[in-house]
């Protein structure tokens, strides 16, 4: 579905996450996503940052009406 990445201050990509449809068919309800894979070069807190970014990118927007 989409991917997110984390870069350092110089703009060097340090970590990535791939988000897609669930592997388990019974969870594939067109509203559920799962983080399929993450990879980093060992940057501190990179995975937490990626999971947060993936959640913000995937959650429905609040249009207020």
C-alpha atoms as a PDB file:
ATOM      1  CA  UNK A   1       0.000   0.000   0.000  1.00  0.00           C
ATOM      2  CA  UNK A   2       2.715   2.503   0.989  1.00  0.00           C
ATOM      3  CA  UNK A   3       6.143   2.917   2.560  1.00  0.00           C
ATOM      4  CA  UNK A   4       7.553   5.430   5.036  1.00  0.00           C
ATOM      5  CA  UNK A   5      11.141   6.372   5.711  1.00  0.00           C
ATOM      6  CA  UNK A   6      13.196   8.160   8.351  1.00  0.00           C
ATOM      7  CA  UNK A   7      16.056  10.467   7.425  1.00  0.00           C
ATOM      8  CA  UNK A   8      18.682  12.183   9.563  1.00  0.00           C
ATOM      9  CA  UNK A   9      19.499  15.900   9.646  1.00  0.00           C
ATOM     10  CA  UNK A  10      21.638  15.614   6.503  1.00  0.00           C
ATOM     11  CA  UNK A  11      18.816  13.928   4.582  1.00  0.00           C
ATOM     12  CA  UNK A  12      20.358  10.446   4.619  1.00  0.00           C
ATOM     13  CA  UNK A  13      17.715   7.710   4.700  1.00  0.00           C
ATOM     14  CA  UNK A  14      18.276   5.699   7.891  1.00  0.00           C
ATOM     15  CA  UNK A  15      15.186   3.458   8.144  1.00  0.00           C
ATOM     16  CA  UNK A  16      12.165   2.316   6.131  1.00  0.00           C
ATOM     17  CA  UNK A  17       8.871   0.518   6.734  1.00  0.00           C
ATOM     18  CA  UNK A  18       6.561  -1.181   4.251  1.00  0.00           C
ATOM     19  CA  UNK A  19       2.840  -1.173   5.018  1.00  0.00           C
ATOM     20  CA  UNK A  20       0.372  -3.397   3.198  1.00  0.00           C
ATOM     21  CA  UNK A  21      -2.727  -5.503   3.384  1.00  0.00           C
ATOM     22  CA  UNK A  22      -2.805  -8.194   6.076  1.00  0.00           C
ATOM     23  CA  UNK A  23      -1.349 -11.581   5.181  1.00  0.00           C
ATOM     24  CA  UNK A  24      -4.119 -13.388   7.090  1.00  0.00           C
ATOM     25  CA  UNK A  25      -7.193 -13.483   4.849  1.00  0.00           C
ATOM     26  CA  UNK A  26      -9.656 -13.229   7.734  1.00  0.00           C
ATOM     27  CA  UNK A  27      -8.111  -9.875   8.732  1.00  0.00           C
ATOM     28  CA  UNK A  28      -8.245  -8.444   5.201  1.00  0.00           C
ATOM     29  CA  UNK A  29     -11.419  -6.397   5.672  1.00  0.00           C
ATOM     30  CA  UNK A  30     -10.412  -3.387   3.524  1.00  0.00           C
ATOM     31  CA  UNK A  31      -9.873  -1.294   6.671  1.00  0.00           C
ATOM     32  CA  UNK A  32      -6.902  -3.118   8.247  1.00  0.00           C
ATOM     33  CA  UNK A  33      -3.247  -2.627   7.333  1.00  0.00           C
ATOM     34  CA  UNK A  34      -0.122  -4.205   8.747  1.00  0.00           C
ATOM     35  CA  UNK A  35       3.510  -3.228   8.836  1.00  0.00           C
ATOM     36  CA  UNK A  36       5.035  -5.941   6.692  1.00  0.00           C
ATOM     37  CA  UNK A  37       8.693  -5.096   7.207  1.00  0.00           C
ATOM     38  CA  UNK A  38      11.037  -2.553   8.743  1.00  0.00           C
ATOM     39  CA  UNK A  39      14.719  -2.049   8.129  1.00  0.00           C
ATOM     40  CA  UNK A  40      17.222   0.347   9.645  1.00  0.00           C
ATOM     41  CA  UNK A  41      20.922   0.901   9.971  1.00  0.00           C
ATOM     42  CA  UNK A  42      20.610   0.794  13.760  1.00  0.00           C
ATOM     43  CA  UNK A  43      19.562   4.410  14.211  1.00  0.00           C
ATOM     44  CA  UNK A  44      18.208   4.938  17.714  1.00  0.00           C
ATOM     45  CA  UNK A  45      14.372   4.864  17.997  1.00  0.00           C
ATOM     46  CA  UNK A  46      14.004   4.474  14.218  1.00  0.00           C
ATOM     47  CA  UNK A  47      11.417   1.682  14.427  1.00  0.00           C
ATOM     48  CA  UNK A  48       9.251   3.608  16.882  1.00  0.00           C
ATOM     49  CA  UNK A  49       9.389   6.618  14.600  1.00  0.00           C
ATOM     50  CA  UNK A  50       8.401   4.472  11.609  1.00  0.00           C
ATOM     51  CA  UNK A  51       5.463   2.839  13.402  1.00  0.00           C
ATOM     52  CA  UNK A  52       4.177   6.259  14.449  1.00  0.00           C
ATOM     53  CA  UNK A  53       4.549   7.649  10.929  1.00  0.00           C
ATOM     54  CA  UNK A  54       2.790   4.601   9.470  1.00  0.00           C
ATOM     55  CA  UNK A  55      -0.104   5.028  11.898  1.00  0.00           C
ATOM     56  CA  UNK A  56      -0.484   8.727  11.085  1.00  0.00           C
ATOM     57  CA  UNK A  57      -0.374   7.995   7.349  1.00  0.00           C
ATOM     58  CA  UNK A  58      -2.936   5.169   7.599  1.00  0.00           C
ATOM     59  CA  UNK A  59      -5.498   6.556  10.037  1.00  0.00           C
ATOM     60  CA  UNK A  60      -8.634   8.147   8.619  1.00  0.00           C
ATOM     61  CA  UNK A  61      -8.543  11.914   8.481  1.00  0.00           C
ATOM     62  CA  UNK A  62     -10.932  13.805  10.728  1.00  0.00           C
ATOM     63  CA  UNK A  63     -12.841  16.096   8.388  1.00  0.00           C
ATOM     64  CA  UNK A  64     -15.042  17.383  11.178  1.00  0.00           C
ATOM     65  CA  UNK A  65     -18.301  16.890   9.396  1.00  0.00           C
END
